[in-house]
Amino acid sequence: MGKCKSCANRKRLYRRSTCGYYADKKYYCTERETITDKNGCERWARKRVEIDLSRARFDKVEEDLKCIEKYCAKFDK
């Protein structure tokens, strides 16, 4: 059994303040549907990090960079 901090079922909570939103120190467990304590539980699951190195992803990044370049060129003049 691992800790809630390293669980795949953990989601960060955000709170609203006068200046916008900030990340809270508490987390939400999607398995138990409760705010978590820091101890963990029997439903702990390892996080899986997936990396997308597909050609379509790189094409999208190139397209986004061209848009940013066009936007920045407006202010360079």
N, C-alpha and C. Protein backbone atom coordinates (compact mmCIF):
# COMPACT_ATOMS: atom_id res chain seq x y z
N MET A 1 0.84 -1.18 0.00
CA MET A 1 0.00 0.00 0.00
C MET A 1 0.89 1.24 0.00
N GLY A 2 0.66 2.13 -0.97
CA GLY A 2 1.42 3.36 -1.06
C GLY A 2 0.68 4.53 -0.43
N LYS A 3 1.30 5.68 -0.51
CA LYS A 3 0.71 6.90 0.03
C LYS A 3 -0.18 7.57 -1.01
N CYS A 4 -1.11 8.39 -0.56
CA CYS A 4 -2.00 9.11 -1.46
C CYS A 4 -1.23 10.00 -2.44
N LYS A 5 -0.10 10.53 -1.99
CA LYS A 5 0.68 11.45 -2.82
C LYS A 5 1.13 10.80 -4.13
N SER A 6 1.37 9.51 -4.12
CA SER A 6 1.86 8.82 -5.32
C SER A 6 0.80 7.95 -5.99
N CYS A 7 -0.46 8.15 -5.66
CA CYS A 7 -1.54 7.31 -6.18
C CYS A 7 -2.10 7.87 -7.49
N ALA A 8 -2.46 7.00 -8.40
CA ALA A 8 -3.03 7.40 -9.69
C ALA A 8 -4.47 7.89 -9.53
N ASN A 9 -5.12 7.54 -8.45
CA ASN A 9 -6.51 7.93 -8.22
C ASN A 9 -6.64 9.29 -7.54
N ARG A 10 -5.54 9.94 -7.27
CA ARG A 10 -5.53 11.22 -6.57
C ARG A 10 -5.68 12.37 -7.55
N LYS A 11 -6.52 13.34 -7.20
CA LYS A 11 -6.69 14.56 -8.00
C LYS A 11 -6.51 15.75 -7.08
N ARG A 12 -5.86 16.78 -7.58
CA ARG A 12 -5.62 17.99 -6.79
C ARG A 12 -6.90 18.82 -6.68
N LEU A 13 -7.11 19.39 -5.52
CA LEU A 13 -8.24 20.30 -5.30
C LEU A 13 -7.77 21.74 -5.47
N TYR A 14 -8.63 22.57 -6.04
CA TYR A 14 -8.33 23.99 -6.20
C TYR A 14 -9.40 24.77 -5.46
N ARG A 15 -8.97 25.84 -4.80
CA ARG A 15 -9.88 26.70 -4.05
C ARG A 15 -9.93 28.07 -4.68
N ARG A 16 -11.07 28.71 -4.54
CA ARG A 16 -11.24 30.04 -5.08
C ARG A 16 -10.89 31.06 -3.99
N SER A 17 -10.16 32.10 -4.38
CA SER A 17 -9.85 33.17 -3.45
C SER A 17 -10.16 34.50 -4.13
N THR A 18 -9.87 35.58 -3.48
CA THR A 18 -10.14 36.90 -4.06
C THR A 18 -9.27 37.18 -5.28
N CYS A 19 -8.12 36.55 -5.36
CA CYS A 19 -7.19 36.77 -6.47
C CYS A 19 -7.27 35.69 -7.55
N GLY A 20 -8.24 34.82 -7.49
CA GLY A 20 -8.35 33.75 -8.48
C GLY A 20 -8.44 32.40 -7.79
N TYR A 21 -7.73 31.42 -8.34
CA TYR A 21 -7.73 30.07 -7.79
C TYR A 21 -6.33 29.69 -7.35
N TYR A 22 -6.23 28.84 -6.34
CA TYR A 22 -4.94 28.33 -5.90
C TYR A 22 -5.08 26.85 -5.58
N ALA A 23 -3.96 26.14 -5.68
CA ALA A 23 -3.95 24.70 -5.40
C ALA A 23 -3.98 24.49 -3.89
N ASP A 24 -4.89 23.66 -3.46
CA ASP A 24 -5.02 23.36 -2.04
C ASP A 24 -4.04 22.26 -1.67
N LYS A 25 -3.77 22.12 -0.38
CA LYS A 25 -2.87 21.06 0.09
C LYS A 25 -3.59 19.72 0.18
N LYS A 26 -4.91 19.73 0.07
CA LYS A 26 -5.68 18.50 0.15
C LYS A 26 -5.92 17.93 -1.25
N TYR A 27 -6.19 16.64 -1.30
CA TYR A 27 -6.43 15.95 -2.56
C TYR A 27 -7.75 15.20 -2.50
N TYR A 28 -8.27 14.84 -3.67
CA TYR A 28 -9.53 14.11 -3.78
C TYR A 28 -9.24 12.72 -4.33
N CYS A 29 -9.78 11.70 -3.70
CA CYS A 29 -9.62 10.32 -4.15
C CYS A 29 -10.81 9.95 -5.04
N THR A 30 -10.54 9.63 -6.30
CA THR A 30 -11.62 9.29 -7.23
C THR A 30 -12.19 7.90 -6.97
N GLU A 31 -11.46 7.05 -6.27
CA GLU A 31 -11.95 5.70 -5.95
C GLU A 31 -12.91 5.73 -4.76
N ARG A 32 -12.50 6.42 -3.70
CA ARG A 32 -13.34 6.49 -2.49
C ARG A 32 -14.33 7.65 -2.53
N GLU A 33 -14.13 8.59 -3.49
CA GLU A 33 -14.95 9.79 -3.65
C GLU A 33 -14.99 10.62 -2.37
N THR A 34 -13.82 10.82 -1.78
CA THR A 34 -13.68 11.62 -0.57
C THR A 34 -12.39 12.43 -0.65
N ILE A 35 -12.29 13.42 0.20
CA ILE A 35 -11.03 14.13 0.35
C ILE A 35 -10.09 13.20 1.11
N THR A 36 -8.87 13.08 0.65
CA THR A 36 -7.96 12.07 1.19
C THR A 36 -7.22 12.57 2.41
N ASP A 37 -6.82 11.60 3.21
CA ASP A 37 -5.83 11.86 4.23
C ASP A 37 -4.49 11.50 3.60
N LYS A 38 -3.43 11.65 4.26
CA LYS A 38 -2.11 11.42 3.66
C LYS A 38 -1.63 9.99 3.83
N ASN A 39 -2.44 9.11 4.40
CA ASN A 39 -1.98 7.77 4.73
C ASN A 39 -2.06 6.77 3.60
N GLY A 40 -3.03 6.90 2.73
CA GLY A 40 -3.21 5.91 1.67
C GLY A 40 -4.30 4.92 2.05
N CYS A 41 -4.58 4.01 1.12
CA CYS A 41 -5.62 3.01 1.37
C CYS A 41 -5.35 1.76 0.53
N GLU A 42 -6.27 0.81 0.62
CA GLU A 42 -6.10 -0.46 -0.10
C GLU A 42 -6.35 -0.31 -1.60
N ARG A 43 -6.89 0.81 -2.03
CA ARG A 43 -7.18 1.04 -3.45
C ARG A 43 -6.06 1.78 -4.17
N TRP A 44 -4.91 1.89 -3.54
CA TRP A 44 -3.78 2.60 -4.13
C TRP A 44 -3.39 1.97 -5.47
N ALA A 45 -3.12 2.80 -6.47
CA ALA A 45 -2.70 2.32 -7.79
C ALA A 45 -1.52 3.14 -8.28
N ARG A 46 -0.59 2.49 -8.93
CA ARG A 46 0.60 3.17 -9.43
C ARG A 46 0.24 4.11 -10.57
N LYS A 47 0.84 5.30 -10.57
CA LYS A 47 0.65 6.25 -11.66
C LYS A 47 1.35 5.73 -12.90
N ARG A 48 0.74 5.96 -14.05
CA ARG A 48 1.36 5.58 -15.32
C ARG A 48 1.61 6.85 -16.12
N VAL A 49 2.84 7.04 -16.50
CA VAL A 49 3.20 8.21 -17.30
C VAL A 49 3.26 7.76 -18.75
N GLU A 50 2.45 8.39 -19.57
CA GLU A 50 2.42 8.03 -20.98
C GLU A 50 3.00 9.18 -21.78
N ILE A 51 3.89 8.87 -22.69
CA ILE A 51 4.55 9.87 -23.51
C ILE A 51 4.06 9.72 -24.94
N ASP A 52 3.61 10.83 -25.51
CA ASP A 52 3.11 10.81 -26.88
C ASP A 52 4.18 11.37 -27.81
N LEU A 53 4.85 10.49 -28.54
CA LEU A 53 5.89 10.90 -29.49
C LEU A 53 5.45 10.65 -30.93
N SER A 54 4.14 10.69 -31.15
CA SER A 54 3.63 10.41 -32.49
C SER A 54 3.90 11.58 -33.43
N ARG A 55 3.87 11.32 -34.70
CA ARG A 55 4.08 12.35 -35.71
C ARG A 55 2.98 13.41 -35.66
N ALA A 56 1.76 12.98 -35.40
CA ALA A 56 0.64 13.91 -35.31
C ALA A 56 0.85 14.92 -34.19
N ARG A 57 1.41 14.48 -33.08
CA ARG A 57 1.68 15.38 -31.94
C ARG A 57 2.72 16.42 -32.33
N PHE A 58 3.78 16.01 -33.02
CA PHE A 58 4.82 16.96 -33.45
C PHE A 58 4.27 17.93 -34.49
N ASP A 59 3.40 17.48 -35.37
CA ASP A 59 2.78 18.38 -36.35
C ASP A 59 1.94 19.44 -35.63
N LYS A 60 1.23 19.04 -34.60
CA LYS A 60 0.41 19.98 -33.84
C LYS A 60 1.29 21.01 -33.13
N VAL A 61 2.41 20.58 -32.59
CA VAL A 61 3.33 21.49 -31.92
C VAL A 61 3.91 22.49 -32.91
N GLU A 62 4.29 22.03 -34.08
CA GLU A 62 4.82 22.94 -35.11
C GLU A 62 3.77 23.97 -35.51
N GLU A 63 2.54 23.53 -35.65
CA GLU A 63 1.44 24.45 -35.99
C GLU A 63 1.24 25.49 -34.89
N ASP A 64 1.28 25.06 -33.64
CA ASP A 64 1.13 25.98 -32.51
C ASP A 64 2.28 26.99 -32.46
N LEU A 65 3.49 26.54 -32.74
CA LEU A 65 4.64 27.45 -32.72
C LEU A 65 4.55 28.50 -33.83
N LYS A 66 4.02 28.11 -34.97
CA LYS A 66 3.84 29.08 -36.06
C LYS A 66 2.82 30.14 -35.66
N CYS A 67 1.76 29.75 -34.97
CA CYS A 67 0.76 30.72 -34.50
C CYS A 67 1.38 31.68 -33.49
N ILE A 68 2.19 31.16 -32.59
CA ILE A 68 2.86 32.01 -31.60
C ILE A 68 3.82 32.98 -32.29
N GLU A 69 4.53 32.48 -33.30
CA GLU A 69 5.47 33.32 -34.04
C GLU A 69 4.74 34.46 -34.74
N LYS A 70 3.59 34.17 -35.36
CA LYS A 70 2.79 35.20 -36.02
C LYS A 70 2.30 36.23 -34.99
N TYR A 71 1.86 35.76 -33.86
CA TYR A 71 1.36 36.65 -32.81
C TYR A 71 2.47 37.57 -32.30
N CYS A 72 3.65 37.01 -32.06
CA CYS A 72 4.77 37.81 -31.56
C CYS A 72 5.29 38.79 -32.61
N ALA A 73 5.17 38.44 -33.90
CA ALA A 73 5.63 39.33 -34.97
C ALA A 73 4.83 40.62 -34.99
N LYS A 74 3.57 40.57 -34.55
CA LYS A 74 2.74 41.78 -34.52
C LYS A 74 3.34 42.82 -33.57
N PHE A 75 3.95 42.37 -32.49
CA PHE A 75 4.47 43.28 -31.49
C PHE A 75 5.91 43.70 -31.76
N ASP A 76 6.61 42.98 -32.64
CA ASP A 76 8.00 43.33 -32.96
C ASP A 76 8.09 44.51 -33.90
N LYS A 77 7.02 44.83 -34.58
CA LYS A 77 7.04 45.91 -35.58
C LYS A 77 7.03 47.26 -34.93
